[in-house]
């Protein structure tokens, strides 16, 4: 299965959830937002939403500063 995440292609042998994608990419799930095919994914859906072939995702990490 081929996914595009932040304009980079990733290949996975099977469908995975948003939570699993975040884990495999070693991204901390705190303070991030995920967009799938132009729609924001609710954090409550990360475990139950399974990604499909050719999905395009944007993962944005929020950073504090002053």
N, C-alpha and C. Protein backbone atom coordinates (compact mmCIF):
# COMPACT_ATOMS: atom_id res chain seq x y z
N UNK A 1 0.85 -1.17 0.00
CA UNK A 1 0.00 0.00 0.00
C UNK A 1 0.89 1.23 0.00
N UNK A 2 0.61 2.15 -0.89
CA UNK A 2 1.41 3.37 -1.04
C UNK A 2 0.65 4.57 -0.47
N UNK A 3 1.31 5.31 0.41
CA UNK A 3 0.74 6.53 1.02
C UNK A 3 1.70 7.68 0.77
N UNK A 4 1.15 8.89 0.68
CA UNK A 4 1.98 10.09 0.61
C UNK A 4 1.77 10.86 1.91
N UNK A 5 2.87 11.08 2.62
CA UNK A 5 2.82 11.79 3.90
C UNK A 5 3.76 12.98 3.80
N UNK A 6 3.21 14.17 3.93
CA UNK A 6 4.01 15.40 3.83
C UNK A 6 4.87 15.38 2.57
N UNK A 7 4.25 15.03 1.45
CA UNK A 7 4.88 15.00 0.13
C UNK A 7 5.98 13.94 -0.04
N UNK A 8 6.05 12.97 0.87
CA UNK A 8 6.99 11.84 0.73
C UNK A 8 6.18 10.56 0.62
N UNK A 9 6.61 9.65 -0.25
CA UNK A 9 5.90 8.39 -0.42
C UNK A 9 6.43 7.34 0.55
N UNK A 10 5.49 6.57 1.11
CA UNK A 10 5.80 5.48 2.02
C UNK A 10 5.02 4.25 1.55
N UNK A 11 5.65 3.10 1.67
CA UNK A 11 5.01 1.85 1.28
C UNK A 11 4.83 0.98 2.51
N UNK A 12 3.65 0.40 2.65
CA UNK A 12 3.34 -0.50 3.75
C UNK A 12 2.71 -1.76 3.17
N UNK A 13 2.98 -2.93 3.77
CA UNK A 13 2.46 -4.17 3.21
C UNK A 13 0.95 -4.35 3.39
N UNK A 14 0.36 -3.59 4.32
CA UNK A 14 -1.08 -3.73 4.59
C UNK A 14 -1.66 -2.39 5.01
N UNK A 15 -2.97 -2.35 5.07
CA UNK A 15 -3.65 -1.14 5.54
C UNK A 15 -3.33 -0.93 7.02
N UNK A 16 -3.10 0.31 7.41
CA UNK A 16 -2.81 0.63 8.80
C UNK A 16 -3.67 1.80 9.25
N UNK A 17 -3.84 1.91 10.55
CA UNK A 17 -4.61 3.02 11.11
C UNK A 17 -3.74 4.27 11.17
N UNK A 18 -4.38 5.39 11.39
CA UNK A 18 -3.63 6.64 11.56
C UNK A 18 -2.70 6.52 12.76
N UNK A 19 -3.17 5.92 13.86
CA UNK A 19 -2.32 5.73 15.05
C UNK A 19 -1.09 4.91 14.72
N UNK A 20 -1.27 3.83 13.96
CA UNK A 20 -0.14 2.98 13.59
C UNK A 20 0.83 3.73 12.69
N UNK A 21 0.33 4.52 11.78
CA UNK A 21 1.20 5.33 10.91
C UNK A 21 2.06 6.28 11.75
N UNK A 22 1.43 6.96 12.68
CA UNK A 22 2.15 7.89 13.56
C UNK A 22 3.24 7.15 14.33
N UNK A 23 2.90 5.96 14.84
CA UNK A 23 3.87 5.16 15.59
C UNK A 23 5.04 4.74 14.69
N UNK A 24 4.73 4.25 13.49
CA UNK A 24 5.78 3.77 12.58
C UNK A 24 6.69 4.90 12.09
N UNK A 25 6.14 6.09 11.99
CA UNK A 25 6.95 7.24 11.57
C UNK A 25 7.67 7.89 12.75
N UNK A 26 7.46 7.33 13.95
CA UNK A 26 8.11 7.80 15.18
C UNK A 26 7.81 9.26 15.45
N UNK A 27 6.53 9.60 15.32
CA UNK A 27 6.06 10.96 15.60
C UNK A 27 5.30 10.92 16.92
N UNK A 28 5.60 11.85 17.80
CA UNK A 28 4.87 11.93 19.07
C UNK A 28 3.44 12.38 18.78
N UNK A 29 2.45 11.63 19.27
CA UNK A 29 1.05 11.97 18.96
C UNK A 29 0.53 13.22 19.67
N UNK A 30 1.27 13.72 20.65
CA UNK A 30 0.85 14.94 21.32
C UNK A 30 1.16 16.13 20.41
N UNK A 31 0.26 17.07 20.40
CA UNK A 31 0.43 18.34 19.68
C UNK A 31 0.66 18.18 18.18
N UNK A 32 -0.13 17.30 17.56
CA UNK A 32 -0.08 17.18 16.10
C UNK A 32 -1.49 17.30 15.55
N UNK A 33 -1.57 17.58 14.28
CA UNK A 33 -2.84 17.55 13.54
C UNK A 33 -2.59 16.72 12.29
N UNK A 34 -3.59 15.91 11.93
CA UNK A 34 -3.48 15.06 10.75
C UNK A 34 -4.60 15.41 9.78
N UNK A 35 -4.22 15.58 8.54
CA UNK A 35 -5.19 15.84 7.47
C UNK A 35 -5.07 14.70 6.47
N UNK A 36 -6.22 14.11 6.12
CA UNK A 36 -6.25 13.01 5.14
C UNK A 36 -7.06 13.45 3.94
N UNK A 37 -6.43 13.48 2.79
CA UNK A 37 -7.11 13.86 1.54
C UNK A 37 -7.88 15.17 1.69
N UNK A 38 -7.27 16.14 2.37
CA UNK A 38 -7.85 17.46 2.49
C UNK A 38 -8.83 17.65 3.64
N UNK A 39 -9.05 16.61 4.46
CA UNK A 39 -9.97 16.72 5.60
C UNK A 39 -9.23 16.41 6.89
N UNK A 40 -9.46 17.24 7.91
CA UNK A 40 -8.83 17.04 9.21
C UNK A 40 -9.40 15.77 9.85
N UNK A 41 -8.50 14.97 10.43
CA UNK A 41 -8.90 13.73 11.12
C UNK A 41 -8.99 14.04 12.61
N UNK A 42 -10.12 13.73 13.23
CA UNK A 42 -10.29 13.94 14.67
C UNK A 42 -9.38 12.97 15.43
N UNK A 43 -8.77 13.44 16.49
CA UNK A 43 -7.89 12.58 17.30
C UNK A 43 -8.63 11.33 17.78
N UNK A 44 -9.91 11.46 18.04
CA UNK A 44 -10.70 10.31 18.50
C UNK A 44 -10.83 9.23 17.42
N UNK A 45 -10.50 9.56 16.17
CA UNK A 45 -10.60 8.59 15.06
C UNK A 45 -9.25 7.96 14.70
N UNK A 46 -8.17 8.36 15.33
CA UNK A 46 -6.85 7.87 14.95
C UNK A 46 -6.75 6.34 15.01
N UNK A 47 -7.37 5.71 16.02
CA UNK A 47 -7.30 4.25 16.16
C UNK A 47 -8.20 3.51 15.18
N UNK A 48 -9.33 4.10 14.84
CA UNK A 48 -10.33 3.38 14.04
C UNK A 48 -10.29 3.70 12.55
N UNK A 49 -9.60 4.77 12.16
CA UNK A 49 -9.55 5.15 10.75
C UNK A 49 -8.38 4.45 10.07
N UNK A 50 -8.70 3.53 9.16
CA UNK A 50 -7.67 2.81 8.43
C UNK A 50 -7.44 3.48 7.08
N UNK A 51 -6.18 3.62 6.74
CA UNK A 51 -5.80 4.34 5.53
C UNK A 51 -5.94 3.44 4.31
N UNK A 52 -6.15 4.07 3.16
CA UNK A 52 -6.37 3.35 1.91
C UNK A 52 -5.28 3.70 0.91
N UNK A 53 -5.11 2.84 -0.07
CA UNK A 53 -4.13 3.04 -1.14
C UNK A 53 -4.23 4.46 -1.71
N UNK A 54 -3.10 5.11 -1.85
CA UNK A 54 -2.97 6.44 -2.45
C UNK A 54 -3.50 7.59 -1.60
N UNK A 55 -3.82 7.33 -0.32
CA UNK A 55 -4.21 8.44 0.55
C UNK A 55 -3.05 9.43 0.64
N UNK A 56 -3.42 10.72 0.75
CA UNK A 56 -2.45 11.80 0.92
C UNK A 56 -2.68 12.39 2.31
N UNK A 57 -1.62 12.41 3.10
CA UNK A 57 -1.72 12.91 4.46
C UNK A 57 -0.74 14.05 4.70
N UNK A 58 -1.17 14.96 5.53
CA UNK A 58 -0.30 16.02 6.03
C UNK A 58 -0.33 15.90 7.54
N UNK A 59 0.84 15.82 8.14
CA UNK A 59 0.95 15.76 9.60
C UNK A 59 1.73 16.99 10.03
N UNK A 60 1.08 17.80 10.85
CA UNK A 60 1.66 19.07 11.30
C UNK A 60 1.91 18.97 12.80
N UNK A 61 3.11 19.33 13.22
CA UNK A 61 3.45 19.36 14.64
C UNK A 61 3.42 20.80 15.12
N UNK A 62 2.75 21.01 16.25
CA UNK A 62 2.67 22.33 16.84
C UNK A 62 3.87 22.54 17.75
N UNK A 63 4.49 23.70 17.64
CA UNK A 63 5.66 24.02 18.45
C UNK A 63 5.38 25.31 19.21
N UNK A 64 5.75 25.29 20.49
CA UNK A 64 5.59 26.49 21.30
C UNK A 64 6.85 27.34 21.24
N UNK A 65 6.71 28.54 21.59
CA UNK A 65 7.87 29.43 21.60
C UNK A 65 7.46 30.82 22.03
N UNK A 66 8.43 31.63 22.17
CA UNK A 66 8.06 32.96 22.61
C UNK A 66 9.06 34.00 22.24
